[in-house]
């Protein structure tokens, strides 16, 4: 497994301090983020999942703790929209250039507006997908926010 991906290259180019952690990805896991948290031995609230959605028909990226669910109403509101829905997996892969299970908010094919769950900013560090199945990057949540120019908002139910 390569530890150099578009995501890690994007972070390095931006001067963000991070470490790379690989684990055995389980493609049959019901909840990929929870499986990642267990595999790396970290609290699920610190292992953030990257989801692709649409707000009023426009693509957005959403980063939330792996043990929480996104509220579509809160998501739409965070982007000043009326309606939100999850993007179909094939559309998410096409939009990001990553495979489902390895979608990172960093280094996407075309950067889209991103929102990060406000609760994540209170953690000392977070893990976010590094752009490949079985690869996580550990960094400060403030650095993640800044690198993504992310909106910080309550996004979970």
N, C-alpha and C. Protein backbone atom coordinates (compact mmCIF):
# COMPACT_ATOMS: atom_id res chain seq x y z
N UNK A 1 0.85 -1.19 0.00
CA UNK A 1 0.00 0.00 0.00
C UNK A 1 0.89 1.25 0.00
N UNK A 2 0.56 2.14 -0.89
CA UNK A 2 1.32 3.39 -0.97
C UNK A 2 0.85 4.34 0.13
N UNK A 3 1.79 5.01 0.76
CA UNK A 3 1.41 5.99 1.77
C UNK A 3 1.46 7.39 1.18
N UNK A 4 1.68 7.47 -0.13
CA UNK A 4 1.64 8.75 -0.82
C UNK A 4 0.43 8.74 -1.75
N UNK A 5 -0.52 9.59 -1.44
CA UNK A 5 -1.74 9.69 -2.23
C UNK A 5 -1.95 11.17 -2.56
N UNK A 6 -2.94 11.46 -3.38
CA UNK A 6 -3.24 12.87 -3.64
C UNK A 6 -3.57 13.59 -2.34
N UNK A 7 -4.21 12.90 -1.41
CA UNK A 7 -4.57 13.51 -0.13
C UNK A 7 -3.32 13.87 0.68
N UNK A 8 -2.39 12.93 0.82
CA UNK A 8 -1.20 13.21 1.62
C UNK A 8 -0.32 14.24 0.91
N UNK A 9 -0.26 14.19 -0.41
CA UNK A 9 0.51 15.18 -1.15
C UNK A 9 -0.07 16.58 -0.98
N UNK A 10 -1.41 16.67 -0.98
CA UNK A 10 -2.08 17.96 -0.79
C UNK A 10 -1.77 18.52 0.60
N UNK A 11 -1.82 17.66 1.62
CA UNK A 11 -1.52 18.11 2.99
C UNK A 11 -0.06 18.55 3.11
N UNK A 12 0.85 17.77 2.55
CA UNK A 12 2.27 18.11 2.62
C UNK A 12 2.55 19.44 1.91
N UNK A 13 1.94 19.61 0.75
CA UNK A 13 2.14 20.84 -0.03
C UNK A 13 1.62 22.06 0.74
N UNK A 14 0.54 21.85 1.52
CA UNK A 14 -0.04 22.94 2.31
C UNK A 14 0.73 23.18 3.61
N UNK A 15 1.74 22.34 3.89
CA UNK A 15 2.53 22.52 5.10
C UNK A 15 1.84 22.04 6.36
N UNK A 16 0.85 21.15 6.22
CA UNK A 16 0.10 20.63 7.36
C UNK A 16 0.88 19.48 7.99
N UNK A 17 0.99 19.50 9.31
CA UNK A 17 1.64 18.44 10.06
C UNK A 17 0.65 17.28 10.22
N UNK A 18 1.05 16.08 9.78
CA UNK A 18 0.17 14.91 9.90
C UNK A 18 1.02 13.65 9.95
N UNK A 19 0.41 12.56 10.41
CA UNK A 19 1.06 11.26 10.34
C UNK A 19 0.12 10.30 9.63
N UNK A 20 0.69 9.29 9.03
CA UNK A 20 -0.08 8.33 8.23
C UNK A 20 -0.19 7.02 8.99
N UNK A 21 -1.40 6.46 8.99
CA UNK A 21 -1.68 5.21 9.70
C UNK A 21 -2.44 4.27 8.77
N UNK A 22 -1.88 3.09 8.56
CA UNK A 22 -2.57 2.13 7.71
C UNK A 22 -3.18 1.03 8.58
N UNK A 23 -4.19 0.39 8.04
CA UNK A 23 -4.89 -0.68 8.75
C UNK A 23 -5.48 -1.63 7.71
N UNK A 24 -5.93 -2.78 8.17
CA UNK A 24 -6.54 -3.76 7.26
C UNK A 24 -7.98 -3.36 7.00
N UNK A 25 -8.22 -2.87 5.79
CA UNK A 25 -9.55 -2.44 5.37
C UNK A 25 -10.43 -3.67 5.16
N UNK A 26 -11.65 -3.63 5.69
CA UNK A 26 -12.60 -4.73 5.53
C UNK A 26 -13.73 -4.26 4.61
N UNK A 27 -13.71 -4.68 3.34
CA UNK A 27 -14.73 -4.23 2.41
C UNK A 27 -16.15 -4.68 2.76
N UNK A 28 -16.26 -5.68 3.64
CA UNK A 28 -17.60 -6.15 4.01
C UNK A 28 -18.12 -5.47 5.28
N UNK A 29 -17.35 -4.56 5.84
CA UNK A 29 -17.78 -3.87 7.07
C UNK A 29 -19.06 -3.07 6.79
N UNK A 30 -19.99 -3.16 7.73
CA UNK A 30 -21.26 -2.45 7.59
C UNK A 30 -21.04 -0.93 7.67
N UNK A 31 -20.15 -0.52 8.56
CA UNK A 31 -19.85 0.91 8.73
C UNK A 31 -18.33 1.08 8.65
N UNK A 32 -17.87 1.58 7.52
CA UNK A 32 -16.44 1.67 7.22
C UNK A 32 -15.69 2.51 8.26
N UNK A 33 -16.25 3.65 8.66
CA UNK A 33 -15.58 4.51 9.64
C UNK A 33 -15.42 3.82 10.99
N UNK A 34 -16.44 3.08 11.40
CA UNK A 34 -16.36 2.37 12.69
C UNK A 34 -15.32 1.25 12.60
N UNK A 35 -15.25 0.58 11.46
CA UNK A 35 -14.26 -0.47 11.27
C UNK A 35 -12.85 0.13 11.33
N UNK A 36 -12.67 1.30 10.73
CA UNK A 36 -11.37 1.97 10.75
C UNK A 36 -10.99 2.32 12.19
N UNK A 37 -11.93 2.87 12.95
CA UNK A 37 -11.66 3.25 14.35
C UNK A 37 -11.21 2.03 15.15
N UNK A 38 -11.93 0.93 15.00
CA UNK A 38 -11.57 -0.29 15.73
C UNK A 38 -10.20 -0.80 15.29
N UNK A 39 -9.95 -0.78 13.99
CA UNK A 39 -8.68 -1.31 13.46
C UNK A 39 -7.47 -0.51 13.92
N UNK A 40 -7.62 0.82 14.09
CA UNK A 40 -6.47 1.61 14.52
C UNK A 40 -6.48 1.87 16.03
N UNK A 41 -7.52 1.35 16.72
CA UNK A 41 -7.58 1.47 18.17
C UNK A 41 -7.85 2.89 18.65
N UNK A 42 -8.72 3.59 17.96
CA UNK A 42 -9.01 4.99 18.31
C UNK A 42 -10.51 5.14 18.58
N UNK A 43 -10.84 6.13 19.42
CA UNK A 43 -12.24 6.43 19.71
C UNK A 43 -12.97 6.79 18.42
N UNK A 44 -14.15 6.23 18.16
CA UNK A 44 -14.90 6.54 16.93
C UNK A 44 -15.17 8.03 16.73
N UNK A 45 -15.30 8.77 17.82
CA UNK A 45 -15.58 10.20 17.68
C UNK A 45 -14.38 10.96 17.08
N UNK A 46 -13.20 10.35 17.14
CA UNK A 46 -11.99 10.98 16.60
C UNK A 46 -11.66 10.49 15.19
N UNK A 47 -12.33 9.45 14.74
CA UNK A 47 -12.12 8.94 13.38
C UNK A 47 -13.27 9.50 12.53
N UNK A 48 -12.95 10.47 11.71
CA UNK A 48 -13.98 11.17 10.95
C UNK A 48 -14.21 10.51 9.60
N UNK A 49 -15.48 10.38 9.25
CA UNK A 49 -15.79 9.82 7.93
C UNK A 49 -16.06 10.96 6.96
N UNK A 50 -15.71 10.72 5.71
CA UNK A 50 -15.89 11.69 4.65
C UNK A 50 -17.04 11.24 3.78
N UNK A 51 -18.04 12.07 3.69
CA UNK A 51 -19.23 11.75 2.90
C UNK A 51 -19.43 12.80 1.82
N UNK A 52 -19.96 12.37 0.71
CA UNK A 52 -20.27 13.29 -0.37
C UNK A 52 -21.79 13.41 -0.46
N UNK A 53 -22.24 14.64 -0.57
CA UNK A 53 -23.67 14.91 -0.60
C UNK A 53 -23.94 16.01 -1.62
N UNK A 54 -25.21 16.34 -1.76
CA UNK A 54 -25.61 17.46 -2.61
C UNK A 54 -26.54 18.34 -1.80
N UNK A 55 -26.32 19.64 -1.92
CA UNK A 55 -27.22 20.62 -1.31
C UNK A 55 -27.79 21.44 -2.45
N UNK A 56 -29.09 21.38 -2.57
CA UNK A 56 -29.78 22.05 -3.68
C UNK A 56 -29.15 21.68 -5.02
N UNK A 57 -28.78 20.40 -5.16
CA UNK A 57 -28.24 19.88 -6.42
C UNK A 57 -26.77 20.12 -6.65
N UNK A 58 -26.08 20.79 -5.71
CA UNK A 58 -24.64 21.08 -5.88
C UNK A 58 -23.84 20.17 -4.94
N UNK A 59 -22.71 19.62 -5.43
CA UNK A 59 -21.92 18.71 -4.60
C UNK A 59 -21.24 19.41 -3.42
N UNK A 60 -21.22 18.72 -2.29
CA UNK A 60 -20.54 19.19 -1.09
C UNK A 60 -19.87 17.98 -0.42
N UNK A 61 -18.89 18.27 0.40
CA UNK A 61 -18.19 17.25 1.17
C UNK A 61 -18.51 17.46 2.64
N UNK A 62 -18.74 16.38 3.36
CA UNK A 62 -19.14 16.45 4.77
C UNK A 62 -18.21 15.55 5.58
N UNK A 63 -17.65 16.10 6.68
CA UNK A 63 -16.71 15.34 7.51
C UNK A 63 -17.29 15.31 8.93
N UNK A 64 -17.65 14.10 9.38
CA UNK A 64 -18.29 13.93 10.68
C UNK A 64 -17.72 12.72 11.41
N UNK A 65 -17.86 12.67 12.74
CA UNK A 65 -17.39 11.50 13.49
C UNK A 65 -18.03 10.21 12.97
N UNK A 66 -17.23 9.13 12.94
CA UNK A 66 -17.71 7.88 12.36
C UNK A 66 -18.85 7.24 13.13
N UNK A 67 -19.06 7.64 14.38
CA UNK A 67 -20.14 7.05 15.16
C UNK A 67 -21.42 7.89 15.13
N UNK A 68 -21.48 8.87 14.24
CA UNK A 68 -22.65 9.75 14.17
C UNK A 68 -23.25 9.73 12.76
N UNK A 69 -24.49 10.18 12.66
CA UNK A 69 -25.18 10.26 11.37
C UNK A 69 -25.41 11.72 11.00
N UNK A 70 -25.31 12.02 9.72
CA UNK A 70 -25.52 13.38 9.24
C UNK A 70 -27.01 13.71 9.23
N UNK A 71 -27.35 14.89 9.70
CA UNK A 71 -28.72 15.41 9.60
C UNK A 71 -28.82 16.17 8.28
N UNK A 72 -29.68 15.72 7.39
CA UNK A 72 -29.81 16.39 6.09
C UNK A 72 -30.30 17.82 6.25
N UNK A 73 -31.14 18.04 7.24
CA UNK A 73 -31.66 19.39 7.49
C UNK A 73 -30.52 20.32 7.94
N UNK A 74 -29.69 19.85 8.88
CA UNK A 74 -28.56 20.65 9.36
C UNK A 74 -27.53 20.86 8.26
N UNK A 75 -27.33 19.84 7.43
CA UNK A 75 -26.38 19.94 6.33
C UNK A 75 -26.82 21.03 5.34
N UNK A 76 -28.06 20.98 4.94
CA UNK A 76 -28.58 21.99 4.00
C UNK A 76 -28.43 23.38 4.61
N UNK A 77 -28.77 23.51 5.87
CA UNK A 77 -28.69 24.80 6.56
C UNK A 77 -27.25 25.32 6.61
N UNK A 78 -26.28 24.43 6.86
CA UNK A 78 -24.87 24.83 6.95
C UNK A 78 -24.40 25.48 5.65
N UNK A 79 -24.94 25.04 4.53
CA UNK A 79 -24.55 25.59 3.23
C UNK A 79 -25.55 26.61 2.70
N UNK A 80 -26.50 27.02 3.56
CA UNK A 80 -27.48 28.02 3.15
C UNK A 80 -28.46 27.50 2.11
N UNK A 81 -28.70 26.19 2.12
CA UNK A 81 -29.60 25.58 1.15
C UNK A 81 -30.91 25.15 1.76
N UNK A 82 -31.76 24.61 0.89
CA UNK A 82 -33.08 24.15 1.33
C UNK A 82 -33.14 22.64 1.53
N UNK A 83 -32.44 21.87 0.66
CA UNK A 83 -32.53 20.41 0.72
C UNK A 83 -31.16 19.78 0.49
N UNK A 84 -30.95 18.67 1.19
CA UNK A 84 -29.69 17.93 1.04
C UNK A 84 -29.99 16.45 0.91
N UNK A 85 -29.14 15.75 0.17
CA UNK A 85 -29.23 14.31 0.07
C UNK A 85 -27.84 13.74 -0.18
N UNK A 86 -27.67 12.48 0.18
CA UNK A 86 -26.38 11.84 -0.03
C UNK A 86 -26.19 11.58 -1.51
N UNK A 87 -24.94 11.68 -1.96
CA UNK A 87 -24.59 11.42 -3.34
C UNK A 87 -24.53 9.90 -3.54
N UNK A 88 -24.92 9.43 -4.71
CA UNK A 88 -24.79 8.00 -5.00
C UNK A 88 -23.30 7.65 -5.04
N UNK A 89 -22.94 6.43 -4.59
CA UNK A 89 -21.52 6.05 -4.55
C UNK A 89 -20.78 6.27 -5.88
N UNK A 90 -21.37 5.89 -6.99
CA UNK A 90 -20.70 6.06 -8.29
C UNK A 90 -20.47 7.54 -8.59
N UNK A 91 -21.43 8.39 -8.22
CA UNK A 91 -21.27 9.83 -8.44
C UNK A 91 -20.19 10.41 -7.53
N UNK A 92 -20.12 9.90 -6.29
CA UNK A 92 -19.10 10.36 -5.34
C UNK A 92 -17.71 9.99 -5.85
N UNK A 93 -17.57 8.78 -6.40
CA UNK A 93 -16.28 8.36 -6.92
C UNK A 93 -15.87 9.21 -8.13
N UNK A 94 -16.82 9.48 -9.00
CA UNK A 94 -16.55 10.29 -10.19
C UNK A 94 -16.16 11.72 -9.80
N UNK A 95 -16.86 12.27 -8.81
CA UNK A 95 -16.61 13.65 -8.39
C UNK A 95 -15.26 13.81 -7.67
N UNK A 96 -14.87 12.81 -6.89
CA UNK A 96 -13.67 12.95 -6.06
C UNK A 96 -12.41 12.35 -6.68
N UNK A 97 -12.60 11.34 -7.53
CA UNK A 97 -11.45 10.62 -8.05
C UNK A 97 -10.96 9.55 -7.09
N UNK A 98 -11.69 9.32 -6.01
CA UNK A 98 -11.36 8.29 -5.03
C UNK A 98 -12.42 7.19 -5.06
N UNK A 99 -12.06 6.00 -4.53
CA UNK A 99 -13.02 4.90 -4.42
C UNK A 99 -13.74 5.00 -3.08
N UNK A 100 -15.01 4.61 -3.04
CA UNK A 100 -15.76 4.56 -1.79
C UNK A 100 -14.97 3.71 -0.80
N UNK A 101 -14.86 4.18 0.42
CA UNK A 101 -14.03 3.51 1.43
C UNK A 101 -12.65 4.15 1.50
N UNK A 102 -12.33 4.95 0.48
CA UNK A 102 -11.04 5.64 0.44
C UNK A 102 -11.20 7.10 0.06
N UNK A 103 -12.43 7.62 0.20
CA UNK A 103 -12.68 9.02 -0.16
C UNK A 103 -12.13 9.93 0.94
N UNK A 104 -11.26 10.83 0.53
CA UNK A 104 -10.68 11.81 1.44
C UNK A 104 -11.21 13.19 1.06
N UNK A 105 -11.34 14.08 2.02
CA UNK A 105 -11.72 15.45 1.68
C UNK A 105 -10.54 16.22 1.08
N UNK A 106 -9.32 15.69 1.25
CA UNK A 106 -8.11 16.35 0.76
C UNK A 106 -7.75 15.83 -0.62
N UNK A 107 -7.39 16.72 -1.53
CA UNK A 107 -6.90 16.31 -2.84
C UNK A 107 -7.94 15.71 -3.76
N UNK A 108 -9.19 16.10 -3.58
CA UNK A 108 -10.22 15.61 -4.48
C UNK A 108 -9.99 16.15 -5.89
N UNK A 109 -10.48 15.43 -6.87
CA UNK A 109 -10.31 15.82 -8.27
C UNK A 109 -10.74 17.26 -8.48
N UNK A 110 -11.89 17.61 -7.93
CA UNK A 110 -12.36 19.00 -7.97
C UNK A 110 -12.80 19.34 -6.55
N UNK A 111 -12.12 20.29 -5.93
CA UNK A 111 -12.45 20.63 -4.55
C UNK A 111 -13.84 21.26 -4.49
N UNK A 112 -14.67 20.75 -3.62
CA UNK A 112 -16.03 21.27 -3.45
C UNK A 112 -16.16 21.86 -2.04
N UNK A 113 -17.17 22.69 -1.81
CA UNK A 113 -17.36 23.23 -0.45
C UNK A 113 -17.44 22.08 0.56
N UNK A 114 -16.81 22.29 1.70
CA UNK A 114 -16.71 21.24 2.72
C UNK A 114 -17.20 21.78 4.06
N UNK A 115 -17.86 20.90 4.81
CA UNK A 115 -18.29 21.23 6.17
C UNK A 115 -17.77 20.16 7.11
N UNK A 116 -17.35 20.59 8.29
CA UNK A 116 -16.85 19.66 9.31
C UNK A 116 -17.70 19.83 10.57
N UNK A 117 -18.02 18.73 11.19
CA UNK A 117 -18.84 18.74 12.41
C UNK A 117 -18.14 19.53 13.51
N UNK A 118 -18.87 20.43 14.12
CA UNK A 118 -18.32 21.32 15.15
C UNK A 118 -17.72 20.53 16.33
N UNK A 119 -18.33 19.40 16.69
CA UNK A 119 -17.84 18.60 17.82
C UNK A 119 -16.40 18.13 17.59
N UNK A 120 -16.04 17.90 16.33
CA UNK A 120 -14.70 17.38 16.01
C UNK A 120 -13.61 18.39 16.38
N UNK A 121 -13.95 19.68 16.38
CA UNK A 121 -12.95 20.71 16.67
C UNK A 121 -12.51 20.71 18.13
N UNK A 122 -13.25 20.02 19.00
CA UNK A 122 -12.87 19.98 20.41
C UNK A 122 -11.92 18.83 20.72
N UNK A 123 -11.65 17.98 19.72
CA UNK A 123 -10.75 16.84 19.93
C UNK A 123 -9.29 17.30 19.80
N UNK A 124 -8.36 16.64 20.53
CA UNK A 124 -6.95 17.02 20.42
C UNK A 124 -6.36 16.64 19.05
N UNK A 125 -6.90 15.58 18.44
CA UNK A 125 -6.49 15.15 17.11
C UNK A 125 -7.64 14.37 16.49
N UNK A 126 -7.61 14.25 15.18
CA UNK A 126 -8.61 13.45 14.47
C UNK A 126 -7.90 12.62 13.40
N UNK A 127 -8.59 11.59 12.97
CA UNK A 127 -8.13 10.76 11.85
C UNK A 127 -9.12 10.96 10.71
N UNK A 128 -8.60 11.17 9.51
CA UNK A 128 -9.43 11.37 8.33
C UNK A 128 -8.84 10.51 7.22
N UNK A 129 -9.69 9.98 6.37
CA UNK A 129 -9.22 9.11 5.30
C UNK A 129 -8.10 9.78 4.51
N UNK A 130 -7.06 9.01 4.22
CA UNK A 130 -5.89 9.53 3.52
C UNK A 130 -5.93 9.33 2.01
N UNK A 131 -7.10 8.99 1.46
CA UNK A 131 -7.22 8.89 0.01
C UNK A 131 -7.05 7.49 -0.54
N UNK A 132 -7.13 6.52 0.36
CA UNK A 132 -6.97 5.13 -0.05
C UNK A 132 -7.63 4.26 1.00
N UNK A 133 -8.24 3.17 0.58
CA UNK A 133 -8.84 2.24 1.54
C UNK A 133 -7.75 1.73 2.47
N UNK A 134 -8.00 1.79 3.78
CA UNK A 134 -7.03 1.31 4.75
C UNK A 134 -5.95 2.31 5.11
N UNK A 135 -6.18 3.60 4.80
CA UNK A 135 -5.18 4.62 5.09
C UNK A 135 -5.85 5.83 5.76
N UNK A 136 -5.35 6.19 6.93
CA UNK A 136 -5.88 7.35 7.65
C UNK A 136 -4.74 8.33 7.92
N UNK A 137 -5.06 9.62 7.93
CA UNK A 137 -4.09 10.62 8.35
C UNK A 137 -4.54 11.18 9.70
N UNK A 138 -3.58 11.35 10.60
CA UNK A 138 -3.86 11.90 11.92
C UNK A 138 -3.35 13.34 11.91
N UNK A 139 -4.22 14.28 12.29
CA UNK A 139 -3.85 15.68 12.30
C UNK A 139 -4.74 16.44 13.29
N UNK A 140 -4.40 17.69 13.52
CA UNK A 140 -5.25 18.48 14.41
C UNK A 140 -6.52 18.87 13.65
N UNK A 141 -7.65 18.90 14.35
CA UNK A 141 -8.89 19.27 13.65
C UNK A 141 -8.84 20.70 13.10
N UNK A 142 -8.12 21.59 13.77
CA UNK A 142 -8.01 22.96 13.26
C UNK A 142 -7.23 22.99 11.95
N UNK A 143 -6.18 22.16 11.85
CA UNK A 143 -5.43 22.07 10.60
C UNK A 143 -6.30 21.51 9.48
N UNK A 144 -7.12 20.52 9.81
CA UNK A 144 -8.03 19.94 8.81
C UNK A 144 -9.00 21.02 8.33
N UNK A 145 -9.58 21.74 9.26
CA UNK A 145 -10.51 22.82 8.92
C UNK A 145 -9.85 23.85 8.01
N UNK A 146 -8.66 24.28 8.39
CA UNK A 146 -7.96 25.30 7.62
C UNK A 146 -7.57 24.80 6.22
N UNK A 147 -7.07 23.58 6.15
CA UNK A 147 -6.64 23.03 4.86
C UNK A 147 -7.82 22.87 3.90
N UNK A 148 -8.98 22.59 4.47
CA UNK A 148 -10.18 22.40 3.64
C UNK A 148 -10.97 23.70 3.45
N UNK A 149 -10.57 24.75 4.16
CA UNK A 149 -11.37 25.99 4.17
C UNK A 149 -12.83 25.64 4.48
N UNK A 150 -12.97 24.76 5.47
CA UNK A 150 -14.28 24.16 5.77
C UNK A 150 -15.17 25.06 6.63
N UNK A 151 -16.44 24.93 6.38
CA UNK A 151 -17.47 25.50 7.24
C UNK A 151 -17.49 24.62 8.49
N UNK A 152 -17.58 25.20 9.66
CA UNK A 152 -17.72 24.42 10.89
C UNK A 152 -19.14 24.65 11.39
N UNK A 153 -19.87 23.56 11.55
CA UNK A 153 -21.28 23.67 11.92
C UNK A 153 -21.74 22.38 12.60
N UNK A 154 -22.86 22.46 13.34
CA UNK A 154 -23.46 21.23 13.86
C UNK A 154 -24.11 20.51 12.66
N UNK A 155 -23.68 19.29 12.40
CA UNK A 155 -24.14 18.57 11.21
C UNK A 155 -24.79 17.22 11.51
N UNK A 156 -24.68 16.77 12.76
CA UNK A 156 -25.14 15.41 13.07
C UNK A 156 -26.46 15.43 13.84
N UNK A 157 -27.14 14.27 13.78
CA UNK A 157 -28.42 14.13 14.48
C UNK A 157 -28.20 13.93 15.96
